[in-house]
Amino acid sequence: MFCSMCYSCSFLYSSTAYGLRCYNCVTNDPSTCTDIVTCPAGFDRCASLTAAGVTTKTCMPTDLCISPMKCCQGNLCNGAIPTGPSVLLLLLSSAIITFFV
C-alpha cells in the first residue's frame, strides 16, 4: 500500500514538473492547429515557426530557441487564437452588455 502511494506521488510530481502543453502541427493555415501535446522532459518552451507559408508549432528546449523561431513559456502559449487586449476587451464588453440588458 505504501509503495503504491509513493508511486502515485512520484507520478504526480513528474507530470507537474514536465507538464507543459503546447500546440503541435505543421500546416498552411495556423488557425487549424488544434492538436495539443504534453512536452517531454527537457522541452520547457512552446515554439512556432513560419517559413515559406508553412507554420510549425511544437515543444522545444530553451537552448534551441533561436531566431526566427518564436518561443514562449506557459501552457498553449503558441496557439493560433490571439488572446491579446482586443479579444479581452471584446469579451468584457459582451459580458457587460449581457448583464445590463
N, C-alpha and C. Protein backbone atom coordinates (compact mmCIF):
# COMPACT_ATOMS: atom_id res chain seq x y z
N MET A 1 0.83 -1.19 0.00
CA MET A 1 0.00 0.00 0.00
C MET A 1 0.87 1.25 0.00
N PHE A 2 1.87 1.28 0.89
CA PHE A 2 2.75 2.44 0.98
C PHE A 2 3.50 2.66 -0.33
N CYS A 3 3.96 1.57 -0.96
CA CYS A 3 4.70 1.68 -2.22
C CYS A 3 3.82 2.25 -3.33
N SER A 4 2.57 1.82 -3.37
CA SER A 4 1.68 2.34 -4.42
C SER A 4 1.41 3.82 -4.19
N MET A 5 1.34 4.26 -2.93
CA MET A 5 1.17 5.68 -2.65
C MET A 5 2.40 6.47 -3.07
N CYS A 6 3.58 5.92 -2.83
CA CYS A 6 4.83 6.58 -3.24
C CYS A 6 4.88 6.70 -4.76
N TYR A 7 4.49 5.63 -5.44
CA TYR A 7 4.48 5.65 -6.91
C TYR A 7 3.52 6.72 -7.42
N SER A 8 2.34 6.79 -6.81
CA SER A 8 1.36 7.80 -7.23
C SER A 8 1.89 9.20 -7.00
N CYS A 9 2.53 9.43 -5.87
CA CYS A 9 3.07 10.76 -5.58
C CYS A 9 4.19 11.12 -6.55
N SER A 10 5.06 10.16 -6.87
CA SER A 10 6.15 10.45 -7.81
C SER A 10 5.60 10.72 -9.20
N PHE A 11 4.53 10.02 -9.58
CA PHE A 11 3.92 10.27 -10.89
C PHE A 11 3.34 11.67 -10.95
N LEU A 12 2.65 12.09 -9.89
CA LEU A 12 2.07 13.43 -9.86
C LEU A 12 3.16 14.49 -9.91
N TYR A 13 4.25 14.27 -9.20
CA TYR A 13 5.35 15.23 -9.20
C TYR A 13 5.97 15.34 -10.59
N SER A 14 6.22 14.22 -11.24
CA SER A 14 6.86 14.27 -12.56
C SER A 14 5.92 14.86 -13.61
N SER A 15 4.63 14.59 -13.51
CA SER A 15 3.72 15.15 -14.50
C SER A 15 3.56 16.66 -14.30
N THR A 16 3.72 17.13 -13.05
CA THR A 16 3.67 18.56 -12.81
C THR A 16 4.94 19.22 -13.30
N ALA A 17 6.08 18.61 -13.05
CA ALA A 17 7.36 19.19 -13.44
C ALA A 17 7.51 19.26 -14.94
N TYR A 18 7.03 18.27 -15.64
CA TYR A 18 7.19 18.22 -17.08
C TYR A 18 5.85 18.27 -17.80
N GLY A 19 4.93 19.03 -17.27
CA GLY A 19 3.58 19.03 -17.80
C GLY A 19 3.25 20.15 -18.76
N LEU A 20 4.26 20.82 -19.34
CA LEU A 20 3.97 21.89 -20.28
C LEU A 20 3.20 21.34 -21.47
N ARG A 21 2.16 22.04 -21.87
CA ARG A 21 1.36 21.62 -23.02
C ARG A 21 1.49 22.66 -24.12
N CYS A 22 1.70 22.18 -25.35
CA CYS A 22 1.88 23.07 -26.50
C CYS A 22 1.04 22.57 -27.66
N TYR A 23 0.71 23.50 -28.56
CA TYR A 23 0.10 23.10 -29.82
C TYR A 23 1.18 22.43 -30.66
N ASN A 24 0.78 21.43 -31.44
CA ASN A 24 1.72 20.66 -32.24
C ASN A 24 1.12 20.41 -33.62
N CYS A 25 1.73 21.01 -34.66
CA CYS A 25 1.22 20.82 -36.01
C CYS A 25 2.22 21.35 -37.04
N VAL A 26 1.99 20.96 -38.27
CA VAL A 26 2.66 21.53 -39.45
C VAL A 26 1.53 21.81 -40.42
N THR A 27 1.31 23.09 -40.75
CA THR A 27 0.12 23.45 -41.52
C THR A 27 0.32 24.71 -42.35
N ASN A 28 -0.49 24.85 -43.38
CA ASN A 28 -0.52 26.08 -44.17
C ASN A 28 -1.46 27.10 -43.55
N ASP A 29 -2.37 26.66 -42.68
CA ASP A 29 -3.35 27.54 -42.05
C ASP A 29 -3.23 27.41 -40.52
N PRO A 30 -2.52 28.34 -39.87
CA PRO A 30 -2.30 28.24 -38.42
C PRO A 30 -3.57 28.15 -37.59
N SER A 31 -4.69 28.66 -38.11
CA SER A 31 -5.93 28.61 -37.34
C SER A 31 -6.47 27.18 -37.22
N THR A 32 -5.96 26.25 -38.02
CA THR A 32 -6.40 24.86 -37.94
C THR A 32 -5.54 24.02 -37.00
N CYS A 33 -4.57 24.64 -36.37
CA CYS A 33 -3.67 23.91 -35.46
C CYS A 33 -4.37 23.71 -34.12
N THR A 34 -4.91 22.51 -33.92
CA THR A 34 -5.65 22.22 -32.69
C THR A 34 -5.09 21.04 -31.90
N ASP A 35 -4.09 20.34 -32.44
CA ASP A 35 -3.51 19.21 -31.72
C ASP A 35 -2.67 19.72 -30.55
N ILE A 36 -2.84 19.11 -29.39
CA ILE A 36 -2.12 19.50 -28.18
C ILE A 36 -1.30 18.32 -27.70
N VAL A 37 -0.03 18.59 -27.34
CA VAL A 37 0.83 17.55 -26.80
C VAL A 37 1.36 18.00 -25.44
N THR A 38 1.70 17.03 -24.60
CA THR A 38 2.40 17.30 -23.36
C THR A 38 3.88 17.12 -23.64
N CYS A 39 4.65 18.15 -23.37
CA CYS A 39 6.07 18.13 -23.72
C CYS A 39 6.85 17.15 -22.85
N PRO A 40 7.84 16.48 -23.44
CA PRO A 40 8.68 15.56 -22.67
C PRO A 40 9.67 16.34 -21.80
N ALA A 41 10.34 15.64 -20.91
CA ALA A 41 11.34 16.24 -20.03
C ALA A 41 12.39 16.97 -20.86
N GLY A 42 12.76 18.16 -20.42
CA GLY A 42 13.77 18.95 -21.10
C GLY A 42 13.21 19.90 -22.14
N PHE A 43 11.97 19.71 -22.54
CA PHE A 43 11.33 20.60 -23.50
C PHE A 43 10.45 21.56 -22.71
N ASP A 44 11.01 22.74 -22.41
CA ASP A 44 10.36 23.67 -21.49
C ASP A 44 9.80 24.92 -22.15
N ARG A 45 9.70 24.92 -23.46
CA ARG A 45 9.14 26.05 -24.20
C ARG A 45 8.20 25.54 -25.29
N CYS A 46 7.22 26.36 -25.65
CA CYS A 46 6.42 26.10 -26.84
C CYS A 46 7.01 26.95 -27.95
N ALA A 47 7.01 26.43 -29.16
CA ALA A 47 7.65 27.14 -30.26
C ALA A 47 6.73 27.21 -31.47
N SER A 48 6.98 28.25 -32.28
CA SER A 48 6.24 28.44 -33.52
C SER A 48 7.19 29.02 -34.55
N LEU A 49 7.14 28.47 -35.76
CA LEU A 49 8.00 28.94 -36.84
C LEU A 49 7.20 28.92 -38.13
N THR A 50 7.24 30.02 -38.87
CA THR A 50 6.59 30.08 -40.17
C THR A 50 7.66 30.36 -41.22
N ALA A 51 7.73 29.47 -42.21
CA ALA A 51 8.69 29.62 -43.31
C ALA A 51 8.05 29.11 -44.58
N ALA A 52 8.18 29.88 -45.65
CA ALA A 52 7.63 29.51 -46.96
C ALA A 52 6.14 29.20 -46.88
N GLY A 53 5.41 29.93 -46.03
CA GLY A 53 3.97 29.75 -45.91
C GLY A 53 3.53 28.57 -45.08
N VAL A 54 4.48 27.85 -44.48
CA VAL A 54 4.15 26.69 -43.65
C VAL A 54 4.48 27.02 -42.20
N THR A 55 3.51 26.82 -41.32
CA THR A 55 3.69 27.07 -39.90
C THR A 55 3.89 25.76 -39.16
N THR A 56 4.92 25.73 -38.31
CA THR A 56 5.20 24.57 -37.47
C THR A 56 5.10 25.01 -36.02
N LYS A 57 4.36 24.25 -35.21
CA LYS A 57 4.22 24.51 -33.78
C LYS A 57 4.56 23.23 -33.04
N THR A 58 5.35 23.36 -31.96
CA THR A 58 5.79 22.18 -31.23
C THR A 58 6.40 22.57 -29.89
N CYS A 59 6.88 21.58 -29.14
CA CYS A 59 7.66 21.79 -27.92
C CYS A 59 9.12 21.98 -28.31
N MET A 60 9.87 22.71 -27.48
CA MET A 60 11.25 22.99 -27.81
C MET A 60 12.06 23.20 -26.53
N PRO A 61 13.30 22.70 -26.47
CA PRO A 61 14.16 23.04 -25.34
C PRO A 61 14.65 24.48 -25.47
N THR A 62 14.87 25.14 -24.36
CA THR A 62 15.28 26.55 -24.36
C THR A 62 16.49 26.81 -25.24
N ASP A 63 17.50 25.95 -25.17
CA ASP A 63 18.74 26.21 -25.90
C ASP A 63 18.58 26.15 -27.42
N LEU A 64 17.48 25.62 -27.92
CA LEU A 64 17.24 25.60 -29.37
C LEU A 64 16.31 26.72 -29.83
N CYS A 65 15.90 27.56 -28.92
CA CYS A 65 15.02 28.68 -29.26
C CYS A 65 15.84 29.85 -29.78
N ILE A 66 16.09 29.84 -31.07
CA ILE A 66 16.85 30.92 -31.71
C ILE A 66 16.03 31.49 -32.86
N SER A 67 16.31 32.74 -33.20
CA SER A 67 15.59 33.40 -34.28
C SER A 67 15.81 32.65 -35.59
N PRO A 68 14.80 32.53 -36.40
CA PRO A 68 13.49 33.20 -36.42
C PRO A 68 12.40 32.46 -35.66
N MET A 69 12.75 31.41 -34.92
CA MET A 69 11.75 30.68 -34.16
C MET A 69 11.25 31.53 -33.00
N LYS A 70 9.95 31.51 -32.77
CA LYS A 70 9.36 32.24 -31.66
C LYS A 70 9.04 31.24 -30.56
N CYS A 71 9.64 31.43 -29.40
CA CYS A 71 9.40 30.54 -28.27
C CYS A 71 8.71 31.30 -27.15
N CYS A 72 7.94 30.56 -26.37
CA CYS A 72 7.22 31.17 -25.26
C CYS A 72 7.10 30.16 -24.12
N GLN A 73 6.83 30.68 -22.93
CA GLN A 73 6.63 29.85 -21.75
C GLN A 73 5.16 29.87 -21.38
N GLY A 74 4.67 28.74 -20.94
CA GLY A 74 3.28 28.69 -20.50
C GLY A 74 2.45 27.77 -21.37
N ASN A 75 1.50 27.11 -20.76
CA ASN A 75 0.66 26.17 -21.48
C ASN A 75 -0.06 26.82 -22.66
N LEU A 76 0.07 26.18 -23.80
CA LEU A 76 -0.63 26.56 -25.03
C LEU A 76 -0.34 28.00 -25.47
N CYS A 77 0.83 28.51 -25.12
CA CYS A 77 1.17 29.89 -25.48
C CYS A 77 1.48 30.05 -26.97
N ASN A 78 1.70 28.96 -27.69
CA ASN A 78 1.97 29.04 -29.13
C ASN A 78 0.70 28.83 -29.95
N GLY A 79 -0.43 29.19 -29.38
CA GLY A 79 -1.72 28.97 -30.03
C GLY A 79 -1.98 29.88 -31.21
N ALA A 80 -2.98 29.50 -31.98
CA ALA A 80 -3.35 30.25 -33.18
C ALA A 80 -4.34 31.35 -32.86
N ILE A 81 -5.06 31.22 -31.75
CA ILE A 81 -6.10 32.18 -31.43
C ILE A 81 -5.51 33.28 -30.56
N PRO A 82 -5.56 34.54 -31.01
CA PRO A 82 -4.99 35.62 -30.21
C PRO A 82 -5.81 35.86 -28.95
N THR A 83 -5.11 36.11 -27.86
CA THR A 83 -5.79 36.42 -26.60
C THR A 83 -5.28 37.75 -26.06
N GLY A 84 -4.95 38.65 -26.95
CA GLY A 84 -4.44 39.96 -26.57
C GLY A 84 -5.52 40.85 -26.01
N PRO A 85 -5.17 42.11 -25.76
CA PRO A 85 -6.11 43.06 -25.16
C PRO A 85 -7.39 43.25 -25.96
N SER A 86 -7.33 43.21 -27.29
CA SER A 86 -8.54 43.44 -28.08
C SER A 86 -9.57 42.34 -27.87
N VAL A 87 -9.13 41.10 -27.77
CA VAL A 87 -10.04 39.99 -27.54
C VAL A 87 -10.63 40.08 -26.14
N LEU A 88 -9.80 40.40 -25.16
CA LEU A 88 -10.29 40.52 -23.79
C LEU A 88 -11.28 41.67 -23.66
N LEU A 89 -11.01 42.77 -24.34
CA LEU A 89 -11.93 43.91 -24.32
C LEU A 89 -13.27 43.54 -24.94
N LEU A 90 -13.24 42.79 -26.03
CA LEU A 90 -14.47 42.35 -26.67
C LEU A 90 -15.28 41.45 -25.73
N LEU A 91 -14.62 40.52 -25.07
CA LEU A 91 -15.31 39.63 -24.14
C LEU A 91 -15.90 40.40 -22.96
N LEU A 92 -15.13 41.34 -22.44
CA LEU A 92 -15.61 42.13 -21.31
C LEU A 92 -16.81 42.97 -21.70
N SER A 93 -16.75 43.63 -22.85
CA SER A 93 -17.89 44.45 -23.27
C SER A 93 -19.13 43.59 -23.53
N SER A 94 -18.94 42.41 -24.08
CA SER A 94 -20.08 41.50 -24.30
C SER A 94 -20.71 41.08 -22.98
N ALA A 95 -19.88 40.81 -21.98
CA ALA A 95 -20.39 40.41 -20.67
C ALA A 95 -21.16 41.54 -20.02
N ILE A 96 -20.66 42.76 -20.14
CA ILE A 96 -21.34 43.92 -19.55
C ILE A 96 -22.69 44.14 -20.22
N ILE A 97 -22.73 44.07 -21.54
CA ILE A 97 -23.98 44.25 -22.27
C ILE A 97 -24.99 43.18 -21.88
N THR A 98 -24.53 41.93 -21.79
CA THR A 98 -25.41 40.83 -21.41
C THR A 98 -25.96 41.02 -19.99
N PHE A 99 -25.13 41.51 -19.10
CA PHE A 99 -25.53 41.70 -17.71
C PHE A 99 -26.57 42.81 -17.56
N PHE A 100 -26.41 43.89 -18.30
CA PHE A 100 -27.30 45.04 -18.15
C PHE A 100 -28.50 45.05 -19.08
N VAL A 101 -28.59 44.13 -20.00
CA VAL A 101 -29.74 44.12 -20.93
C VAL A 101 -30.77 43.12 -20.50
